[in-house]
PDB file of N, CA and C in Angstrom:
ATOM      1  N   MET A   1      84.813  20.074 -81.189  1.00  0.00           N
ATOM      2  CA  MET A   1      83.907  20.074 -79.665  1.00  0.00           C
ATOM      3  C   MET A   1      83.246  19.312 -79.282  1.00  0.00           C
ATOM      4  N   LYS A   2      83.405  18.223 -78.439  1.00  0.00           N
ATOM      5  CA  LYS A   2      82.760  17.286 -78.286  1.00  0.00           C
ATOM      6  C   LYS A   2      81.435  17.121 -78.460  1.00  0.00           C
ATOM      7  N   ASN A   3      81.267  17.499 -77.418  1.00  0.00           N
ATOM      8  CA  ASN A   3      79.545  17.817 -76.952  1.00  0.00           C
ATOM      9  C   ASN A   3      79.088  18.578 -77.882  1.00  0.00           C
ATOM     10  N   GLU A   4      78.966  18.363 -78.937  1.00  0.00           N
ATOM     11  CA  GLU A   4      78.177  20.210 -79.789  1.00  0.00           C
ATOM     12  C   GLU A   4      76.793  20.287 -79.372  1.00  0.00           C
ATOM     13  N   GLU A   5      76.212  21.381 -78.898  1.00  0.00           N
ATOM     14  CA  GLU A   5      75.463  21.775 -78.174  1.00  0.00           C
ATOM     15  C   GLU A   5      74.594  23.123 -79.141  1.00  0.00           C
ATOM     16  N   ASN A   6      73.673  22.859 -79.832  1.00  0.00           N
ATOM     17  CA  ASN A   6      73.262  24.157 -80.530  1.00  0.00           C
ATOM     18  C   ASN A   6      72.947  25.339 -79.015  1.00  0.00           C
ATOM     19  N   TYR A   7      73.758  25.977 -79.651  1.00  0.00           N
ATOM     20  CA  TYR A   7      73.680  27.326 -78.153  1.00  0.00           C
ATOM     21  C   TYR A   7      73.572  28.178 -79.269  1.00  0.00           C
ATOM     22  N   LEU A   8      73.488  28.276 -80.855  1.00  0.00           N
ATOM     23  CA  LEU A   8      73.242  29.299 -81.528  1.00  0.00           C
ATOM     24  C   LEU A   8      72.020  29.220 -82.407  1.00  0.00           C
ATOM     25  N   GLU A   9      71.008  29.577 -82.266  1.00  0.00           N
ATOM     26  CA  GLU A   9      69.470  28.590 -83.440  1.00  0.00           C
ATOM     27  C   GLU A   9      69.818  30.092 -83.850  1.00  0.00           C
ATOM     28  N   SER A  10      69.985  31.236 -83.351  1.00  0.00           N
ATOM     29  CA  SER A  10      69.777  32.412 -83.991  1.00  0.00           C
ATOM     30  C   SER A  10      70.510  33.392 -83.457  1.00  0.00           C
ATOM     31  N   LEU A  11      71.285  34.842 -84.162  1.00  0.00           N
ATOM     32  CA  LEU A  11      71.319  35.970 -83.438  1.00  0.00           C
ATOM     33  C   LEU A  11      69.773  37.119 -83.379  1.00  0.00           C
ATOM     34  N   ILE A  12      68.863  36.501 -83.687  1.00  0.00           N
ATOM     35  CA  ILE A  12      67.772  37.139 -83.091  1.00  0.00           C
ATOM     36  C   ILE A  12      67.369  37.325 -81.497  1.00  0.00           C
ATOM     37  N   THR A  13      67.087  38.261 -81.242  1.00  0.00           N
ATOM     38  CA  THR A  13      66.785  37.814 -79.878  1.00  0.00           C
ATOM     39  C   THR A  13      65.607  39.040 -80.144  1.00  0.00           C
ATOM     40  N   LYS A  14      64.500  38.880 -78.825  1.00  0.00           N
ATOM     41  CA  LYS A  14      63.296  40.126 -78.380  1.00  0.00           C
ATOM     42  C   LYS A  14      63.693  41.218 -77.824  1.00  0.00           C
ATOM     43  N   THR A  15      65.084  41.391 -77.323  1.00  0.00           N
ATOM     44  CA  THR A  15      65.344  42.736 -76.728  1.00  0.00           C
ATOM     45  C   THR A  15      66.990  42.785 -76.593  1.00  0.00           C
ATOM     46  N   PRO A  16      67.203  44.224 -76.447  1.00  0.00           N
ATOM     47  CA  PRO A  16      68.242  44.398 -75.940  1.00  0.00           C
ATOM     48  C   PRO A  16      69.288  43.932 -74.827  1.00  0.00           C
ATOM     49  N   ILE A  17      68.216  43.082 -73.460  1.00  0.00           N
ATOM     50  CA  ILE A  17      69.064  42.107 -72.624  1.00  0.00           C
ATOM     51  C   ILE A  17      69.089  40.702 -73.450  1.00  0.00           C
ATOM     52  N   GLU A  18      67.767  40.346 -73.435  1.00  0.00           N
ATOM     53  CA  GLU A  18      68.817  39.397 -74.270  1.00  0.00           C
ATOM     54  C   GLU A  18      69.946  39.397 -75.283  1.00  0.00           C
ATOM     55  N   GLY A  19      69.706  39.817 -76.131  1.00  0.00           N
ATOM     56  CA  GLY A  19      71.094  39.976 -76.939  1.00  0.00           C
ATOM     57  C   GLY A  19      72.274  40.185 -76.107  1.00  0.00           C
ATOM     58  N   ARG A  20      72.317  41.263 -74.778  1.00  0.00           N
ATOM     59  CA  ARG A  20      73.509  41.184 -73.769  1.00  0.00           C
ATOM     60  C   ARG A  20      74.029  39.609 -73.630  1.00  0.00           C
ATOM     61  N   ASN A  21      72.819  39.034 -73.160  1.00  0.00           N
ATOM     62  CA  ASN A  21      73.037  38.120 -72.529  1.00  0.00           C
ATOM     63  C   ASN A  21      73.659  36.475 -73.621  1.00  0.00           C
ATOM     64  N   LEU A  22      73.029  37.017 -75.033  1.00  0.00           N
ATOM     65  CA  LEU A  22      73.501  36.310 -75.892  1.00  0.00           C
ATOM     66  C   LEU A  22      75.313  36.418 -75.977  1.00  0.00           C
ATOM     67  N   ALA A  23      75.138  37.795 -76.359  1.00  0.00           N
ATOM     68  CA  ALA A  23      76.892  37.998 -76.552  1.00  0.00           C
ATOM     69  C   ALA A  23      77.839  37.602 -75.205  1.00  0.00           C
ATOM     70  N   ILE A  24      76.798  37.383 -73.758  1.00  0.00           N
ATOM     71  CA  ILE A  24      78.222  36.938 -72.675  1.00  0.00           C
ATOM     72  C   ILE A  24      78.069  35.615 -72.960  1.00  0.00           C
ATOM     73  N   LYS A  25      77.275  34.702 -73.735  1.00  0.00           N
ATOM     74  CA  LYS A  25      77.309  33.096 -73.690  1.00  0.00           C
ATOM     75  C   LYS A  25      78.020  32.858 -74.728  1.00  0.00           C
ATOM     76  N   LEU A  26      78.116  34.009 -75.834  1.00  0.00           N
ATOM     77  CA  LEU A  26      79.193  33.362 -76.899  1.00  0.00           C
ATOM     78  C   LEU A  26      80.710  33.661 -76.656  1.00  0.00           C
ATOM     79  N   ALA A  27      80.523  34.760 -76.195  1.00  0.00           N
ATOM     80  CA  ALA A  27      82.078  34.488 -75.140  1.00  0.00           C
ATOM     81  C   ALA A  27      82.585  34.019 -74.039  1.00  0.00           C
ATOM     82  N   ARG A  28      81.787  33.465 -73.811  1.00  0.00           N
ATOM     83  CA  ARG A  28      82.303  32.317 -72.937  1.00  0.00           C
ATOM     84  C   ARG A  28      82.234  31.158 -73.667  1.00  0.00           C
ATOM     85  N   LYS A  29      81.643  30.806 -74.534  1.00  0.00           N
ATOM     86  CA  LYS A  29      82.060  29.804 -75.070  1.00  0.00           C
ATOM     87  C   LYS A  29      82.955  29.541 -75.668  1.00  0.00           C
ATOM     88  N   SER A  30      83.197  30.469 -76.542  1.00  0.00           N
ATOM     89  CA  SER A  30      84.239  30.714 -77.575  1.00  0.00           C
ATOM     90  C   SER A  30      85.967  30.526 -76.631  1.00  0.00           C
ATOM     91  N   ILE A  31      85.630  30.780 -75.349  1.00  0.00           N
ATOM     92  CA  ILE A  31      86.717  30.737 -74.337  1.00  0.00           C
ATOM     93  C   ILE A  31      87.130  29.023 -74.348  1.00  0.00           C
ATOM     94  N   ALA A  32      85.797  28.767 -74.038  1.00  0.00           N
ATOM     95  CA  ALA A  32      85.810  27.148 -74.306  1.00  0.00           C
ATOM     96  C   ALA A  32      86.269  26.266 -75.025  1.00  0.00           C
ATOM     97  N   ALA A  33      85.741  26.965 -76.381  1.00  0.00           N
ATOM     98  CA  ALA A  33      86.711  26.123 -77.286  1.00  0.00           C
ATOM     99  C   ALA A  33      87.821  26.119 -77.853  1.00  0.00           C
ATOM    100  N   ILE A  34      88.538  27.239 -77.290  1.00  0.00           N
ATOM    101  CA  ILE A  34      89.938  28.009 -77.041  1.00  0.00           C
ATOM    102  C   ILE A  34      90.564  27.299 -76.815  1.00  0.00           C
ATOM    103  N   GLN A  35      90.199  27.032 -74.971  1.00  0.00           N
ATOM    104  CA  GLN A  35      90.803  26.324 -74.177  1.00  0.00           C
ATOM    105  C   GLN A  35      89.867  24.813 -73.200  1.00  0.00           C
ATOM    106  N   THR A  36      90.362  24.126 -73.894  1.00  0.00           N
ATOM    107  CA  THR A  36      88.973  23.015 -73.814  1.00  0.00           C
ATOM    108  C   THR A  36      89.754  22.262 -72.751  1.00  0.00           C
ATOM    109  N   ASP A  37      90.331  22.795 -71.840  1.00  0.00           N
ATOM    110  CA  ASP A  37      90.917  21.937 -70.615  1.00  0.00           C
ATOM    111  C   ASP A  37      89.846  22.907 -69.583  1.00  0.00           C
ATOM    112  N   SER A  38      88.779  22.495 -69.308  1.00  0.00           N
ATOM    113  CA  SER A  38      88.222  23.022 -68.566  1.00  0.00           C
ATOM    114  C   SER A  38      88.910  22.894 -66.597  1.00  0.00           C
ATOM    115  N   GLU A  39      89.730  22.330 -66.166  1.00  0.00           N
ATOM    116  CA  GLU A  39      90.161  22.494 -65.139  1.00  0.00           C
ATOM    117  C   GLU A  39      91.607  23.232 -65.377  1.00  0.00           C
ATOM    118  N   VAL A  40      92.007  23.669 -66.309  1.00  0.00           N
ATOM    119  CA  VAL A  40      92.960  24.897 -66.449  1.00  0.00           C
ATOM    120  C   VAL A  40      92.257  26.187 -66.454  1.00  0.00           C
ATOM    121  N   ARG A  41      90.877  25.969 -67.405  1.00  0.00           N
ATOM    122  CA  ARG A  41      90.461  27.433 -67.021  1.00  0.00           C
ATOM    123  C   ARG A  41      89.837  28.241 -65.729  1.00  0.00           C
ATOM    124  N   LYS A  42      90.048  27.052 -64.419  1.00  0.00           N
ATOM    125  CA  LYS A  42      88.914  27.148 -63.235  1.00  0.00           C
ATOM    126  C   LYS A  42      90.832  27.445 -63.126  1.00  0.00           C
ATOM    127  N   LYS A  43      91.856  26.970 -63.018  1.00  0.00           N
ATOM    128  CA  LYS A  43      93.268  27.764 -62.730  1.00  0.00           C
ATOM    129  C   LYS A  43      93.541  28.788 -63.147  1.00  0.00           C
ATOM    130  N   LEU A  44      93.312  29.129 -63.952  1.00  0.00           N
ATOM    131  CA  LEU A  44      93.401  30.637 -64.307  1.00  0.00           C
ATOM    132  C   LEU A  44      92.305  31.612 -63.807  1.00  0.00           C
ATOM    133  N   ARG A  45      91.162  31.250 -63.463  1.00  0.00           N
ATOM    134  CA  ARG A  45      89.844  32.551 -63.214  1.00  0.00           C
ATOM    135  C   ARG A  45      90.537  33.116 -62.146  1.00  0.00           C
ATOM    136  N   ASN A  46      91.175  32.754 -60.922  1.00  0.00           N
ATOM    137  CA  ASN A  46      92.238  34.124 -60.419  1.00  0.00           C
ATOM    138  C   ASN A  46      92.839  34.899 -60.782  1.00  0.00           C
ATOM    139  N   ASP A  47      93.964  34.665 -61.851  1.00  0.00           N
ATOM    140  CA  ASP A  47      94.698  35.611 -62.575  1.00  0.00           C
ATOM    141  C   ASP A  47      93.523  36.218 -63.142  1.00  0.00           C
ATOM    142  N   TYR A  48      92.904  36.460 -63.698  1.00  0.00           N
ATOM    143  CA  TYR A  48      92.108  37.285 -65.020  1.00  0.00           C
ATOM    144  C   TYR A  48      91.195  37.738 -63.964  1.00  0.00           C
ATOM    145  N   ALA A  49      90.453  36.998 -62.561  1.00  0.00           N
ATOM    146  CA  ALA A  49      89.731  38.265 -62.033  1.00  0.00           C
ATOM    147  C   ALA A  49      90.453  39.066 -60.689  1.00  0.00           C
ATOM    148  N   ASN A  50      92.008  39.506 -61.095  1.00  0.00           N
ATOM    149  CA  ASN A  50      92.322  39.952 -60.221  1.00  0.00           C
ATOM    150  C   ASN A  50      93.230  41.290 -61.220  1.00  0.00           C
ATOM    151  N   ASP A  51      93.221  40.918 -62.303  1.00  0.00           N
ATOM    152  CA  ASP A  51      93.688  41.660 -63.158  1.00  0.00           C
ATOM    153  C   ASP A  51      92.903  42.630 -64.079  1.00  0.00           C
ATOM    154  N   THR A  52      92.874  43.901 -63.746  1.00  0.00           N
ATOM    155  CA  THR A  52      92.015  44.743 -64.685  1.00  0.00           C
ATOM    156  C   THR A  52      92.180  45.030 -66.111  1.00  0.00           C
ATOM    157  N   GLN A  53      93.199  44.804 -66.526  1.00  0.00           N
ATOM    158  CA  GLN A  53      93.869  44.921 -68.246  1.00  0.00           C
ATOM    159  C   GLN A  53      93.161  43.567 -68.536  1.00  0.00           C
ATOM    160  N   GLN A  54      92.768  42.211 -67.949  1.00  0.00           N
ATOM    161  CA  GLN A  54      92.333  41.410 -68.694  1.00  0.00           C
ATOM    162  C   GLN A  54      90.568  41.287 -68.539  1.00  0.00           C
ATOM    163  N   LEU A  55      90.499  41.834 -67.240  1.00  0.00           N
ATOM    164  CA  LEU A  55      88.786  41.874 -67.287  1.00  0.00           C
ATOM    165  C   LEU A  55      88.330  43.022 -68.386  1.00  0.00           C
ATOM    166  N   ILE A  56      89.329  43.961 -68.164  1.00  0.00           N
ATOM    167  CA  ILE A  56      88.781  45.125 -69.780  1.00  0.00           C
ATOM    168  C   ILE A  56      88.758  44.370 -71.111  1.00  0.00           C
ATOM    169  N   SER A  57      89.297  43.663 -71.181  1.00  0.00           N
ATOM    170  CA  SER A  57      89.994  42.749 -72.510  1.00  0.00           C
ATOM    171  C   SER A  57      88.504  42.036 -72.425  1.00  0.00           C
ATOM    172  N   SER A  58      88.208  41.383 -71.944  1.00  0.00           N
ATOM    173  CA  SER A  58      87.089  40.261 -71.791  1.00  0.00           C
ATOM    174  C   SER A  58      85.724  41.236 -71.986  1.00  0.00           C
ATOM    175  N   ALA A  59      85.637  42.215 -71.569  1.00  0.00           N
ATOM    176  CA  ALA A  59      84.539  43.099 -71.898  1.00  0.00           C
ATOM    177  C   ALA A  59      84.591  43.638 -73.072  1.00  0.00           C
ATOM    178  N   GLN A  60      85.755  43.693 -73.660  1.00  0.00           N
ATOM    179  CA  GLN A  60      86.033  44.282 -75.472  1.00  0.00           C
ATOM    180  C   GLN A  60      85.062  43.308 -76.104  1.00  0.00           C
ATOM    181  N   VAL A  61      85.753  41.977 -75.543  1.00  0.00           N
ATOM    182  CA  VAL A  61      85.123  40.752 -76.329  1.00  0.00           C
ATOM    183  C   VAL A  61      83.749  40.961 -76.492  1.00  0.00           C
ATOM    184  N   ILE A  62      82.960  40.990 -75.052  1.00  0.00           N
ATOM    185  CA  ILE A  62      81.339  40.992 -74.795  1.00  0.00           C
ATOM    186  C   ILE A  62      80.768  41.909 -76.091  1.00  0.00           C
ATOM    187  N   ALA A  63      81.460  43.344 -75.757  1.00  0.00           N
ATOM    188  CA  ALA A  63      80.662  44.860 -76.574  1.00  0.00           C
ATOM    189  C   ALA A  63      80.881  44.066 -78.224  1.00  0.00           C
ATOM    190  N   THR A  64      82.535  42.917 -78.630  1.00  0.00           N
ATOM    191  CA  THR A  64      82.110  43.000 -79.882  1.00  0.00           C
ATOM    192  C   THR A  64      80.884  41.959 -80.784  1.00  0.00           C
ATOM    193  N   GLU A  65      80.975  40.855 -79.412  1.00  0.00           N
ATOM    194  CA  GLU A  65      79.869  40.093 -79.700  1.00  0.00           C
ATOM    195  C   GLU A  65      78.352  40.613 -79.899  1.00  0.00           C
ATOM    196  N   PHE A  66      78.138  41.966 -78.627  1.00  0.00           N
ATOM    197  CA  PHE A  66      76.809  42.600 -78.993  1.00  0.00           C
ATOM    198  C   PHE A  66      76.523  43.409 -79.906  1.00  0.00           C
ATOM    199  N   GLN A  67      77.566  44.101 -80.235  1.00  0.00           N
ATOM    200  CA  GLN A  67      77.749  45.033 -81.486  1.00  0.00           C
ATOM    201  C   GLN A  67      77.274  44.009 -83.101  1.00  0.00           C
ATOM    202  N   THR A  68      77.606  42.832 -83.067  1.00  0.00           N
ATOM    203  CA  THR A  68      77.400  41.889 -84.050  1.00  0.00           C
ATOM    204  C   THR A  68      75.894  41.395 -84.019  1.00  0.00           C
ATOM    205  N   ILE A  69      75.127  41.061 -82.723  1.00  0.00           N
ATOM    206  CA  ILE A  69      74.013  41.132 -82.667  1.00  0.00           C
ATOM    207  C   ILE A  69      73.066  42.071 -82.346  1.00  0.00           C
ATOM    208  N   ALA A  70      73.210  43.280 -82.132  1.00  0.00           N
ATOM    209  CA  ALA A  70      72.495  44.431 -81.894  1.00  0.00           C
ATOM    210  C   ALA A  70      72.122  44.830 -83.835  1.00  0.00           C
ATOM    211  N   ALA A  71      73.392  44.626 -84.193  1.00  0.00           N
ATOM    212  CA  ALA A  71      73.064  44.914 -86.121  1.00  0.00           C
ATOM    213  C   ALA A  71      72.273  43.913 -86.624  1.00  0.00           C
ATOM    214  N   ALA A  72      72.570  42.396 -86.092  1.00  0.00           N
ATOM    215  CA  ALA A  72      71.424  41.529 -86.353  1.00  0.00           C
ATOM    216  C   ALA A  72      70.313  41.433 -86.180  1.00  0.00           C
ATOM    217  N   ASN A  73      70.072  42.412 -85.347  1.00  0.00           N
ATOM    218  CA  ASN A  73      68.229  42.347 -84.585  1.00  0.00           C
ATOM    219  C   ASN A  73      67.798  43.788 -85.575  1.00  0.00           C
ATOM    220  N   ASN A  74      68.811  44.423 -86.280  1.00  0.00           N
ATOM    221  CA  ASN A  74      68.261  45.705 -86.743  1.00  0.00           C
ATOM    222  C   ASN A  74      68.467  46.981 -85.838  1.00  0.00           C
ATOM    223  N   TYR A  75      69.080  46.759 -84.484  1.00  0.00           N
ATOM    224  CA  TYR A  75      69.177  47.558 -83.077  1.00  0.00           C
ATOM    225  C   TYR A  75      67.712  47.157 -82.457  1.00  0.00           C
ATOM    226  N   TRP A  76      66.994  46.253 -83.037  1.00  0.00           N
ATOM    227  CA  TRP A  76      65.673  46.653 -81.897  1.00  0.00           C
ATOM    228  C   TRP A  76      64.891  47.493 -82.541  1.00  0.00           C
ATOM    229  N   LYS A  77      65.012  48.165 -83.908  1.00  0.00           N
ATOM    230  CA  LYS A  77      63.744  49.104 -84.419  1.00  0.00           C
ATOM    231  C   LYS A  77      62.739  48.337 -84.960  1.00  0.00           C
ATOM    232  N   SER A  78      62.045  48.434 -85.240  1.00  0.00           N
ATOM    233  CA  SER A  78      60.636  48.047 -86.014  1.00  0.00           C
ATOM    234  C   SER A  78      60.716  48.722 -87.151  1.00  0.00           C
TER     235      SER A  78
END
């Protein structure tokens, strides 16, 4: 990746909603890493925005990321 940003200092978050937001960010960053051309990503947005199966698949990716973050946070239990 060209402009490497340290967007993942830790999987530890204070709350489940912070964990969910991190999961979404990780999923978005993964897509950007796989399809590095932002113009191609923009062109494809309309395709998946109108395709229920692709939206469900996207939600599954986020859910998987969230499971990892939740486990790292011991499911936010003290």
